[in-house]
Protein backbone atom coordinates (compact mmCIF):
# COMPACT_ATOMS: atom_id res chain seq x y z
CA MET A 1 170.93 26.97 88.71
CA THR A 2 173.89 26.15 90.96
CA ALA A 3 174.48 23.30 93.31
CA ASN A 4 173.65 25.16 96.26
CA ALA A 5 170.60 27.44 94.68
CA PRO A 6 168.09 25.39 96.28
CA ALA A 7 169.95 25.49 99.76
CA THR A 8 170.58 29.32 98.99
CA LEU A 9 166.84 29.39 98.48
CA ILE A 10 165.65 27.92 101.53
CA ARG A 11 167.68 30.05 103.91
CA ASP A 12 166.93 33.10 102.19
CA THR A 13 163.08 32.15 102.50
CA LEU A 14 163.42 30.66 105.81
CA SER A 15 165.40 33.98 107.50
CA VAL A 16 162.64 36.14 106.15
CA GLU A 17 159.15 34.03 106.07
CA LEU A 18 159.64 30.83 108.50
CA PHE A 19 158.05 32.68 111.18
CA HIS A 20 155.11 34.25 109.24
CA VAL A 21 151.98 31.90 109.60
CA ARG A 22 150.26 33.62 106.61
CA ASN A 23 153.17 31.92 104.47
CA ARG A 24 153.55 28.48 106.48
CA HIS A 25 151.61 26.36 103.84
CA LEU A 26 153.30 27.89 101.19
CA ILE A 27 156.60 27.17 102.56
CA ARG A 28 155.71 23.69 103.74
CA ALA A 29 154.57 23.03 100.01
CA ILE A 30 157.69 23.95 98.48
CA LEU A 31 160.27 22.01 100.64
CA ASN A 32 157.85 18.83 100.10
CA ASN A 33 158.27 18.93 96.61
CA LEU A 34 162.18 19.55 96.32
CA SER A 35 163.91 16.57 95.00
CA GLU A 36 165.96 16.58 97.80
CA GLY A 37 165.39 15.58 101.37
CA ILE A 38 164.99 18.47 103.42
CA SER A 39 165.52 18.39 107.05
CA ILE A 40 165.55 21.26 109.61
CA ALA A 41 166.99 21.63 113.22
CA ASP A 42 166.68 24.47 115.55
CA VAL A 43 169.59 25.33 117.68
CA THR A 44 169.00 22.58 120.29
CA GLY A 45 169.11 20.06 117.83
CA ASN A 46 165.81 18.97 118.00
CA PHE A 47 164.14 18.69 114.11
CA ILE A 48 161.55 21.27 113.61
CA TYR A 49 160.70 20.05 109.88
CA THR A 50 161.57 17.19 107.88
CA SER A 51 160.13 16.35 104.39
CA PRO A 52 158.58 13.03 103.80
CA TYR A 53 161.42 12.46 101.63
CA SER A 54 163.51 12.85 104.08
CA ASP A 55 162.10 10.45 106.22
CA TRP A 56 161.46 7.68 103.85
CA LEU A 57 165.87 8.20 102.66
CA PHE A 58 166.58 8.08 106.39
CA GLY A 59 163.87 5.19 107.41
CA ALA A 60 162.80 7.74 110.24
CA SER A 61 159.22 7.43 112.19
CA SER A 62 156.71 10.16 112.07
CA GLU A 63 157.90 11.22 115.61
CA PRO A 64 161.30 13.49 115.02
CA ILE A 65 163.95 12.04 116.98
CA PRO A 66 165.56 14.12 119.90
CA PRO A 67 169.52 14.48 119.69
CA SER A 68 170.46 12.49 122.54
CA GLU A 69 168.92 9.40 120.19
CA TRP A 70 170.88 10.00 117.00
CA HIS A 71 172.83 6.84 117.67
CA VAL A 72 169.78 4.52 117.41
CA ALA A 73 168.49 5.98 114.08
CA GLY A 74 171.31 3.51 112.24
CA ILE A 75 173.52 6.01 110.60
CA PHE A 76 176.53 4.71 109.40
CA ARG A 77 179.86 5.85 107.77
CA SER A 78 179.92 4.83 103.61
CA ASP A 79 181.95 1.90 104.52
CA GLU A 80 178.37 0.63 105.76
CA ARG A 81 179.88 -0.83 108.72
CA THR A 82 181.21 1.96 111.22
CA PRO A 83 179.03 4.25 113.18
CA TYR A 84 178.62 7.65 112.42
CA PRO A 85 179.65 9.57 116.13
CA ILE A 86 176.77 11.91 116.53
CA ASP A 87 179.60 15.27 116.87
CA GLU A 88 180.71 13.94 113.45
CA MET A 89 177.19 13.94 111.62
CA PRO A 90 177.05 16.54 109.36
CA ILE A 91 173.52 18.33 110.95
CA TRP A 92 175.58 18.42 114.21
CA ARG A 93 178.40 20.57 112.62
CA ALA A 94 176.05 22.37 110.70
CA LEU A 95 174.45 23.74 114.35
CA LYS A 96 178.13 24.35 115.35
CA GLY A 97 178.19 27.36 112.48
CA GLU A 98 180.27 25.08 110.00
CA GLU A 99 178.63 24.39 105.87
CA VAL A 100 179.82 20.91 105.31
CA ARG A 101 179.28 19.66 101.85
CA ASP A 102 178.59 16.20 99.96
CA VAL A 103 179.25 13.88 103.05
CA ASP A 104 178.26 10.29 102.14
CA MET A 105 176.77 8.27 104.67
CA PHE A 106 174.67 4.87 105.30
CA VAL A 107 171.51 4.31 106.61
CA ARG A 108 170.42 0.97 108.25
CA ASN A 109 167.30 0.37 110.35
CA SER A 110 163.94 -1.24 110.86
CA ASN A 111 162.43 0.99 108.24
CA VAL A 112 165.57 0.53 105.87
CA PRO A 113 167.02 -3.01 106.46
CA GLN A 114 168.68 -3.45 103.03
CA GLY A 115 170.40 -0.23 103.82
CA ARG A 116 170.77 2.99 101.96
CA HIS A 117 173.51 4.91 100.58
CA ILE A 118 172.86 9.07 100.99
CA ARG A 119 174.53 11.71 100.31
CA CYS A 120 174.00 15.32 102.61
CA HIS A 121 174.83 18.79 102.53
CA CYS A 122 173.96 20.73 105.93
CA ILE A 123 174.34 24.57 106.47
CA PRO A 124 173.70 26.62 109.21
CA LEU A 125 170.84 29.17 109.86
CA ARG A 126 170.95 32.38 110.82
CA ASP A 127 168.73 34.93 111.83
CA GLU A 128 168.97 38.90 110.32
CA GLN A 129 171.07 39.96 113.11
CA GLY A 130 173.31 36.72 111.80
CA GLN A 131 172.67 34.81 115.02
CA LEU A 132 172.71 31.12 114.85
CA VAL A 133 169.05 30.04 115.01
CA GLY A 134 169.69 26.45 113.23
CA GLY A 135 171.01 23.98 110.68
CA MET A 136 169.33 22.62 107.41
CA ALA A 137 170.63 19.27 105.62
CA LEU A 138 169.97 18.61 101.91
CA ILE A 139 169.77 14.74 101.54
CA LYS A 140 170.45 12.86 98.21
CA ASP A 141 169.33 9.18 97.49
CA MET A 142 172.85 7.83 96.56
CA ASP A 143 171.67 3.90 95.59
CA LYS A 144 170.80 4.73 92.01
CA VAL A 145 173.89 6.66 91.29
CA ARG A 146 176.06 3.92 93.39
CA GLN A 147 174.28 1.45 90.71
CA SER A 148 174.97 3.40 87.66
CA GLU A 149 178.21 3.86 88.65
CA GLU A 150 179.18 0.13 89.56
CA GLU A 151 177.10 -0.80 86.91
CA LYS A 152 179.61 1.47 84.08
CA ARG A 153 182.53 0.09 86.26
CA ARG A 154 181.27 -3.41 85.34
CA THR A 155 181.06 -2.45 81.62
CA GLU A 156 183.93 -1.02 81.70
CA GLN A 157 185.96 -4.22 83.04
CA ARG A 158 184.11 -6.30 80.90
CA PHE A 159 185.34 -3.75 77.73
CA GLN A 160 188.59 -3.96 79.39
CA LEU A 161 188.64 -7.57 79.33
CA LEU A 162 186.96 -8.18 75.91
CA VAL A 163 189.95 -5.45 74.33
CA GLU A 164 193.02 -7.23 76.60
CA THR A 165 191.94 -10.99 75.17
CA ALA A 166 191.38 -9.61 71.82
CA ARG A 167 193.13 -11.71 69.01
CA GLU A 168 193.46 -8.32 67.34
CA GLY A 169 195.86 -5.48 68.25
CA ILE A 170 193.94 -2.06 69.18
CA TRP A 171 196.24 1.02 68.96
CA SER A 172 194.93 4.57 69.69
CA ILE A 173 197.04 7.87 68.99
CA ASP A 174 196.19 11.61 69.65
CA THR A 175 196.29 14.82 68.05
CA GLU A 176 200.09 14.41 68.32
CA SER A 177 200.06 11.27 66.80
CA ARG A 178 201.39 9.86 70.32
CA THR A 179 200.06 7.01 71.17
CA THR A 180 197.45 6.77 74.05
CA TYR A 181 196.20 3.48 74.47
CA VAL A 182 197.51 -0.12 72.85
CA ASN A 183 196.34 -3.74 74.19
CA ARG A 184 198.78 -6.69 75.20
CA PHE A 185 197.99 -8.33 71.84
CA MET A 186 198.88 -5.53 69.93
CA ALA A 187 202.52 -4.85 72.26
CA GLU A 188 203.02 -8.48 71.73
CA MET A 189 202.58 -8.13 67.58
CA LEU A 190 205.25 -5.87 67.46
CA GLY A 191 207.64 -7.15 70.21
CA TYR A 192 206.97 -4.32 73.10
CA THR A 193 205.76 -3.93 76.33
CA VAL A 194 202.53 -2.08 76.92
CA GLU A 195 204.27 0.17 78.92
CA GLU A 196 207.15 0.77 76.23
CA MET A 197 204.66 1.46 73.28
CA LEU A 198 202.41 4.43 75.52
CA GLY A 199 203.56 7.77 74.67
CA ARG A 200 205.73 7.02 71.75
CA PRO A 201 204.90 8.75 68.69
CA ILE A 202 203.42 5.85 65.92
CA PHE A 203 206.09 6.86 63.19
CA SER A 204 208.73 5.17 65.72
CA PHE A 205 207.34 1.96 64.68
CA MET A 206 208.17 1.98 61.21
CA ASP A 207 210.75 2.53 58.44
CA GLU A 208 211.02 5.88 56.53
CA GLU A 209 208.58 4.35 53.40
CA GLY A 210 205.89 3.60 56.21
CA ARG A 211 206.33 7.06 58.24
CA GLN A 212 205.53 9.09 54.64
CA LEU A 213 202.56 6.89 54.03
CA ALA A 214 201.51 7.29 57.77
CA ALA A 215 201.62 10.57 57.64
CA ARG A 216 199.36 11.13 54.60
CA ASN A 217 197.02 8.66 56.28
CA ILE A 218 196.55 10.71 59.26
CA GLU A 219 195.88 13.70 57.63
CA ARG A 220 192.93 11.50 55.99
CA ARG A 221 192.32 10.68 59.33
CA ARG A 222 191.64 14.63 60.19
CA GLN A 223 189.62 15.10 57.73
CA GLY A 224 187.28 12.14 58.57
CA VAL A 225 188.31 9.39 56.58
CA ALA A 226 187.99 5.88 57.84
CA GLU A 227 189.94 3.16 55.55
CA VAL A 228 190.95 -0.37 55.80
CA MET A 229 194.24 -1.07 54.29
CA ASP A 230 197.70 -3.40 54.87
CA PHE A 231 200.48 -1.82 56.28
CA ARG A 232 203.96 -2.63 57.18
CA PHE A 233 205.13 -2.11 60.76
CA LEU A 234 208.78 -2.67 61.89
CA ARG A 235 208.90 -5.13 65.68
CA LYS A 236 211.19 -4.43 68.28
CA ASP A 237 214.22 -6.73 67.00
CA GLY A 238 213.85 -4.74 63.35
CA SER A 239 211.98 -7.23 61.64
CA SER A 240 208.98 -6.56 59.17
CA ILE A 241 205.31 -7.22 59.96
CA TRP A 242 202.37 -6.93 57.55
CA THR A 243 199.23 -5.94 59.29
CA ASN A 244 195.83 -5.27 58.27
CA MET A 245 194.68 -2.31 59.64
CA SER A 246 191.24 -0.66 59.76
CA THR A 247 191.09 2.90 61.27
CA SER A 248 188.81 5.46 61.99
CA PRO A 249 188.93 9.19 63.42
CA PHE A 250 187.20 9.90 66.43
CA VAL A 251 186.36 13.58 67.67
CA ASP A 252 185.60 15.76 70.88
CA GLU A 253 182.26 16.85 72.53
CA HIS A 254 182.98 19.92 69.95
CA GLY A 255 183.56 17.68 67.25
CA ARG A 256 186.79 18.49 66.60
CA TYR A 257 189.69 15.74 65.82
CA ALA A 258 190.88 13.93 68.83
CA GLY A 259 193.01 10.99 67.45
CA SER A 260 192.50 7.86 65.83
CA LEU A 261 191.70 4.67 66.55
CA ALA A 262 192.74 1.12 64.74
CA THR A 263 191.99 -2.47 65.07
CA ILE A 264 195.61 -4.48 63.97
CA ALA A 265 195.85 -8.11 62.39
CA ASP A 266 198.70 -9.68 61.62
CA VAL A 267 198.46 -10.56 57.90
CA THR A 268 202.11 -11.45 57.15
CA ALA A 269 201.57 -15.19 56.34
CA ARG A 270 199.23 -14.31 54.17
CA ARG A 271 201.35 -11.77 52.40
CA ASN A 272 204.21 -14.33 52.28
CA ALA A 273 201.70 -16.52 50.84
CA GLU A 274 200.48 -14.14 48.04
CA GLU A 275 204.39 -13.29 47.63
CA GLN A 276 204.91 -16.67 46.82
CA VAL A 277 202.04 -17.03 44.38
CA ARG A 278 203.06 -13.90 42.54
CA GLN A 279 207.00 -15.35 42.09
CA LEU A 280 204.91 -18.93 40.85
CA ASN A 281 203.22 -17.10 38.69
CA ALA A 282 206.18 -15.35 37.08
CA GLU A 283 207.96 -18.35 36.94
CA LEU A 284 204.97 -20.19 34.97
CA GLU A 285 204.76 -17.48 32.80
CA ARG A 286 208.25 -17.05 31.71
CA ARG A 287 207.86 -20.91 31.33
CA ILE A 288 204.82 -20.72 29.23
CA VAL A 289 206.42 -18.06 27.09
CA GLU A 290 209.47 -20.23 26.87
CA ARG A 291 207.54 -23.29 25.92
CA THR A 292 205.35 -20.94 24.08
CA ALA A 293 208.51 -20.16 21.87
CA GLN A 294 209.86 -23.45 21.59
CA LEU A 295 206.28 -24.96 20.44
CA GLU A 296 206.04 -21.96 17.72
CA PHE A 297 209.85 -22.52 16.57
CA SER A 298 208.85 -26.22 16.58
CA ASN A 299 205.67 -25.91 14.73
CA ARG A 300 207.36 -23.36 12.24
CA GLU A 301 210.01 -26.26 11.45
CA LEU A 302 207.30 -29.03 11.00
CA GLU A 303 205.44 -26.47 8.70
CA ALA A 304 208.31 -25.80 6.73
CA PHE A 305 209.13 -29.12 6.80
CA ALA A 306 205.85 -30.24 5.65
CA TYR A 307 205.80 -27.54 3.10
CA SER A 308 209.07 -29.22 2.01
CA VAL A 309 208.19 -32.80 1.88
CA ALA A 310 204.75 -31.89 -0.09
CA HIS A 311 206.56 -29.81 -2.60
CA ASP A 312 208.94 -32.18 -3.20
CA LEU A 313 206.80 -34.71 -3.55
CA ARG A 314 205.21 -32.90 -6.52
CA SER A 315 208.27 -34.16 -8.67
CA PRO A 316 208.16 -37.61 -8.10
CA LEU A 317 204.43 -37.74 -8.18
CA ARG A 318 204.34 -35.74 -11.84
CA SER A 319 206.73 -38.51 -13.35
CA ILE A 320 204.40 -41.41 -11.93
CA ALA A 321 201.33 -39.61 -13.61
CA SER A 322 203.04 -38.75 -16.86
CA PHE A 323 204.09 -42.45 -17.14
CA SER A 324 200.82 -43.77 -16.11
CA ASP A 325 199.31 -41.38 -18.94
CA ALA A 326 202.08 -42.87 -21.34
CA LEU A 327 201.47 -46.47 -20.95
CA THR A 328 197.67 -45.75 -21.05
CA GLU A 329 198.35 -44.21 -24.60
CA ASP A 330 201.40 -46.30 -25.91
CA CYS A 331 200.39 -49.67 -24.47
CA ALA A 332 196.73 -50.45 -23.58
CA ASP A 333 196.80 -52.93 -26.35
CA ARG A 334 199.09 -55.00 -24.87
CA LEU A 335 198.03 -55.04 -21.08
CA ASP A 336 195.35 -57.42 -20.39
CA GLU A 337 191.96 -56.27 -18.43
CA MET A 338 194.29 -56.80 -14.75
CA GLY A 339 197.03 -54.80 -15.98
CA LEU A 340 194.52 -51.64 -17.08
CA ASP A 341 193.46 -52.09 -13.91
CA TYR A 342 196.23 -51.87 -12.14
CA LEU A 343 197.08 -48.65 -14.18
CA ARG A 344 194.08 -47.07 -13.21
CA ARG A 345 194.87 -47.90 -9.57
CA ILE A 346 198.19 -46.08 -10.19
CA ARG A 347 196.58 -43.10 -11.45
CA GLY A 348 193.92 -42.98 -9.15
CA GLY A 349 196.48 -43.09 -6.21
CA ALA A 350 198.77 -40.61 -7.88
CA GLN A 351 195.60 -38.36 -8.47
CA ARG A 352 194.46 -39.01 -4.46
CA MET A 353 198.16 -38.24 -3.45
CA ALA A 354 198.00 -35.04 -5.73
CA GLU A 355 194.89 -33.70 -3.54
CA LEU A 356 196.96 -35.05 -0.34
CA ILE A 357 199.68 -32.60 -1.33
CA ASP A 358 197.32 -29.61 -2.05
CA GLY A 359 195.84 -30.22 1.35
CA ILE A 360 198.72 -29.87 3.00
CA LEU A 361 200.38 -27.12 1.27
CA ALA A 362 196.91 -25.22 1.81
CA LEU A 363 197.06 -26.27 5.73
CA SER A 364 200.47 -25.07 5.59
CA ARG A 365 200.04 -21.83 3.84
CA VAL A 366 197.13 -21.05 6.37
CA ASN A 367 199.84 -19.89 9.55
CA ARG A 368 202.58 -18.79 7.02
CA THR A 369 199.65 -16.04 5.49
CA VAL A 370 200.35 -12.69 6.69
CA LEU A 371 196.92 -11.94 8.36
CA VAL A 372 195.61 -8.78 6.18
CA THR A 373 192.64 -7.61 7.49
CA SER A 374 189.50 -5.16 6.25
CA LEU A 375 185.99 -5.26 6.41
CA CYS A 376 184.38 -7.98 4.75
CA ASP A 377 181.24 -8.43 3.13
CA LEU A 378 180.25 -12.38 4.26
CA SER A 379 177.67 -11.96 2.59
CA ILE A 380 178.60 -11.25 -0.94
CA LEU A 381 181.64 -14.02 -0.62
CA ALA A 382 178.99 -16.10 -0.06
CA ARG A 383 176.94 -15.53 -2.94
CA ILE A 384 180.04 -15.64 -4.64
CA VAL A 385 181.01 -19.40 -3.55
CA ALA A 386 177.25 -20.31 -4.20
CA GLY A 387 177.24 -19.29 -7.66
CA GLN A 388 180.45 -21.27 -8.40
CA LEU A 389 179.21 -24.25 -6.95
CA GLN A 390 175.96 -23.86 -8.98
CA GLU A 391 177.86 -23.46 -12.37
CA GLN A 392 180.08 -26.45 -11.50
CA GLN A 393 176.56 -28.60 -11.85
CA PRO A 394 174.15 -26.40 -13.06
CA GLU A 395 171.76 -29.63 -12.89
CA ARG A 396 171.28 -29.99 -9.28
CA LYS A 397 168.31 -28.26 -7.27
CA VAL A 398 170.37 -26.66 -4.29
CA ARG A 399 168.00 -23.91 -2.51
CA PHE A 400 170.99 -21.08 -0.91
CA THR A 401 169.54 -19.15 1.87
CA ILE A 402 172.00 -16.44 2.33
CA GLN A 403 171.90 -13.27 5.32
CA GLN A 404 172.24 -10.13 3.77
CA GLY A 405 174.49 -7.31 5.25
CA LEU A 406 176.80 -9.70 7.35
CA VAL A 407 180.28 -7.30 7.65
CA GLU A 408 183.16 -8.56 9.90
CA ARG A 409 186.59 -7.56 9.86
CA GLY A 410 189.25 -9.93 8.61
CA ASP A 411 191.47 -11.58 5.91
CA PRO A 412 189.12 -11.79 3.18
CA HIS A 413 191.09 -14.17 1.20
CA LEU A 414 191.12 -16.65 4.02
CA LEU A 415 187.73 -15.87 5.51
CA ARG A 416 186.54 -17.02 1.47
CA SER A 417 188.42 -19.81 2.06
CA VAL A 418 186.27 -20.85 5.27
CA LEU A 419 182.97 -20.57 3.23
CA GLU A 420 184.17 -21.95 0.18
CA ASN A 421 185.05 -25.45 2.53
CA LEU A 422 182.02 -25.29 4.86
CA LEU A 423 179.62 -24.31 1.71
CA GLY A 424 181.65 -26.73 -0.30
CA ASN A 425 181.21 -29.54 2.13
CA ALA A 426 177.12 -28.45 2.65
CA TRP A 427 176.97 -28.97 -1.56
CA LYS A 428 179.04 -32.61 -1.33
CA PHE A 429 177.17 -34.27 1.48
CA THR A 430 173.41 -32.69 0.07
CA ARG A 431 173.92 -34.43 -3.52
CA GLU A 432 171.69 -37.24 -2.69
CA ARG A 433 168.51 -34.86 -1.75
CA PRO A 434 166.35 -34.33 -4.41
CA VAL A 435 166.35 -30.20 -3.35
CA ALA A 436 169.21 -29.46 -1.37
CA GLU A 437 168.58 -26.60 0.94
CA ILE A 438 172.16 -24.71 2.35
CA GLU A 439 171.88 -21.59 4.60
CA PHE A 440 174.22 -19.23 5.73
CA GLY A 441 173.29 -16.42 8.51
CA THR A 442 173.96 -16.00 11.76
CA LYS A 443 172.25 -16.41 15.47
CA GLU A 444 172.72 -15.27 19.02
CA GLU A 445 174.45 -17.90 21.48
CA GLN A 446 175.23 -16.68 25.01
CA GLY A 447 175.26 -13.40 24.05
CA VAL A 448 178.14 -13.79 21.26
CA LEU A 449 177.40 -13.57 17.13
CA THR A 450 177.83 -16.45 15.81
CA TYR A 451 177.57 -17.55 12.28
CA PHE A 452 176.41 -20.81 10.96
CA VAL A 453 176.19 -22.88 7.64
CA ARG A 454 173.43 -25.41 7.71
CA ASP A 455 172.28 -27.83 5.39
CA ASN A 456 169.74 -30.99 5.20
CA GLY A 457 172.48 -33.46 4.05
CA ALA A 458 173.78 -36.75 4.83
CA GLY A 459 174.82 -35.27 8.49
CA PHE A 460 177.18 -37.17 10.82
CA ASP A 461 177.25 -38.91 14.16
CA MET A 462 178.20 -36.69 17.02
CA ALA A 463 180.04 -39.36 18.68
CA TYR A 464 182.78 -38.83 16.49
CA GLN A 465 182.45 -34.98 16.50
CA ASP A 466 186.06 -34.89 18.49
CA LYS A 467 187.24 -36.12 14.55
CA LEU A 468 186.03 -33.32 12.65
CA PHE A 469 188.70 -31.07 12.65
CA GLY A 470 191.62 -33.23 12.49
CA VAL A 471 194.23 -33.49 9.49
CA PHE A 472 193.04 -36.34 7.60
CA GLN A 473 190.34 -37.57 9.66
CA ARG A 474 187.35 -38.18 7.59
CA LEU A 475 183.92 -39.19 8.81
CA HIS A 476 182.58 -40.67 5.59
CA ALA A 477 184.38 -43.67 3.38
CA GLN A 478 186.12 -41.69 0.32
CA ALA A 479 183.98 -44.02 -2.51
CA GLU A 480 180.76 -42.66 -0.27
CA PHE A 481 181.88 -38.62 -0.39
CA GLU A 482 185.50 -37.51 -1.82
CA GLY A 483 187.77 -35.45 -0.03
CA ASN A 484 191.31 -35.18 1.39
CA GLY A 485 190.51 -35.00 5.13
CA VAL A 486 191.93 -31.24 5.29
CA GLY A 487 189.31 -29.01 4.78
CA LEU A 488 187.80 -28.45 7.63
CA ALA A 489 191.44 -28.64 9.89
CA THR A 490 192.28 -25.65 7.26
CA VAL A 491 188.84 -23.74 8.37
CA GLN A 492 189.30 -24.11 12.29
CA ARG A 493 193.09 -22.66 11.76
CA ILE A 494 191.72 -19.19 10.17
CA ILE A 495 188.99 -19.09 12.64
CA ARG A 496 191.15 -19.40 15.74
CA ARG A 497 193.92 -17.05 13.71
CA HIS A 498 190.66 -14.48 13.66
CA GLY A 499 190.35 -15.08 17.51
CA GLY A 500 186.97 -17.45 16.98
CA ARG A 501 185.92 -20.92 17.54
CA ILE A 502 184.13 -23.28 15.53
CA TRP A 503 182.06 -26.29 16.09
CA GLY A 504 179.62 -28.90 14.65
CA ARG A 505 176.47 -30.58 15.32
CA GLY A 506 174.83 -33.05 13.05
CA GLN A 507 172.51 -36.14 12.57
CA PRO A 508 173.26 -39.29 10.77
CA GLY A 509 170.26 -38.54 7.60
CA GLN A 510 169.38 -35.20 9.36
CA GLY A 511 171.72 -33.11 8.10
CA ALA A 512 174.72 -30.94 9.87
CA CYS A 513 175.34 -27.30 10.97
CA PHE A 514 178.38 -26.23 11.78
CA SER A 515 178.37 -22.63 13.68
CA PHE A 516 182.02 -20.33 13.96
CA THR A 517 182.70 -16.92 16.10
CA LEU A 518 184.96 -14.47 14.65
CA ASN A 519 187.06 -11.85 16.94
CA GLU A 520 186.00 -12.98 20.43
CA VAL A 521 189.74 -12.78 20.72
CA PRO A 522 191.34 -9.47 20.46
CA LEU A 523 193.55 -9.62 17.24
CA PRO A 524 197.15 -8.25 16.62
CA PRO A 525 197.05 -4.17 16.57
CA GLY A 526 195.00 -2.90 13.62
CA THR A 527 192.85 -6.07 13.35
CA ALA A 528 190.23 -5.21 16.14
CA ALA A 529 186.94 -6.52 15.91
CA ILE A 530 183.69 -4.19 14.52
CA THR A 531 180.48 -5.46 15.77
CA PRO A 532 177.90 -6.12 13.05
CA GLY A 533 174.81 -4.11 12.48
CA VAL A 534 171.29 -5.54 12.27
CA PRO A 535 171.06 -8.52 10.43
CA ILE A 536 169.20 -7.47 7.00
CA PRO A 537 166.61 -10.29 5.83
CA ALA A 538 167.92 -13.13 3.65
CA THR A 539 168.39 -13.60 0.21
CA ARG A 540 167.92 -17.29 -1.85
CA LEU A 541 169.61 -18.08 -4.93
């Protein structure tokens, strides 16, 4: 129904039925229940009907007001101050044959002391012969509308204030990528005024690379995709500014793409800091590579020197040992007990020196040896080592517990050396036990498969654990337990070459447990670790 429908309906009804007495009650009921106030005046200006709602809107008394007293009805123009002239009132103009649409007025009188804004639409009424017989006014209450409009205006002002005082840029474009709105902060960020940016294509604020990227981004906006990204714009002076931009598309009432809106923050300082960090990291990596190369060269030189020295010491050491043996065989009858003791000490020292030289050479060979990997059955290697130890001292009571099925990728010769050292140490440090217990198996620590060699031997004080893997570092006296102090250092180097770690725990008199991992760190190409399967129950030797 159109805006004029109620007026048309009433006018037609009145022109036909107004004076039909039998329909008067029906017509009054219709008029009283319309959502607009209705007032009807005859051709002389006297009101012959006013709906209750119309009386309430005008603050009118029950008695109709004649035209001569309209000036006391308290009707003003919409400015709320200027009295409305009688001859300009919409109903008076309608009585002159003029249709008057949507006139805003203000009513204030004793019945409406606070005042009320109304809107009138007045039409002339004619009979079947076209003669003017009166006028009709349709009145709307505009207070709620004006309050709603005022609240909307205040909301828009608050939103505008929020947008304009935001410490982020706000930018919107239309379907042609032209700037439809920027706040002052965004304009200042790029060195422009708001007026200079409005209407300009967004592509004019970026370089060629940025334009290509922006074109792809806008196409995604057309597809309804919102994104957050870093983007580089050009300032008015030509300098670059890095921003973090959160963009979203918006649509019209038909759901069609209508443009994009973005909130933009200046992240130039962050990007510059990230670039500095990147450069520092690159410089640090370069220095690490250089330093690593220098250390590797120094280590190779030291290893070569140690190897050369150890090798060259063998010859004079052999001479010392040979002449000591000759003295023992040929001159023992001419030496007193002190001389023989000195001779025994010389031979013992030479033997000790030979063991140290062997240890240095073995340690040197660990890093010089090319790593040749294959699948190794560590369980079999452990049984072989245990068998050899038992053969050397068959009189000892030693119970070996070796977990079966421990298969790992690595160099079989080096891994056998690991087990020879660890099981050999366990064998050595349990010799005071009536029945020695030595176990080789696996456990899980922090989600990592860990191998271990455990014994019930002499153990060690954990206060000195930092010396366990040092070259020539020993926690027991030579007279108590023999050794050259190189075994665990050798084991550690082998484990490291296999991408693993090794550590030890113990208590004096309560035994020790050495644990190690393999292939935690990726090995060189062709030596990747293979995860062992479910362990098979252990066997005893």
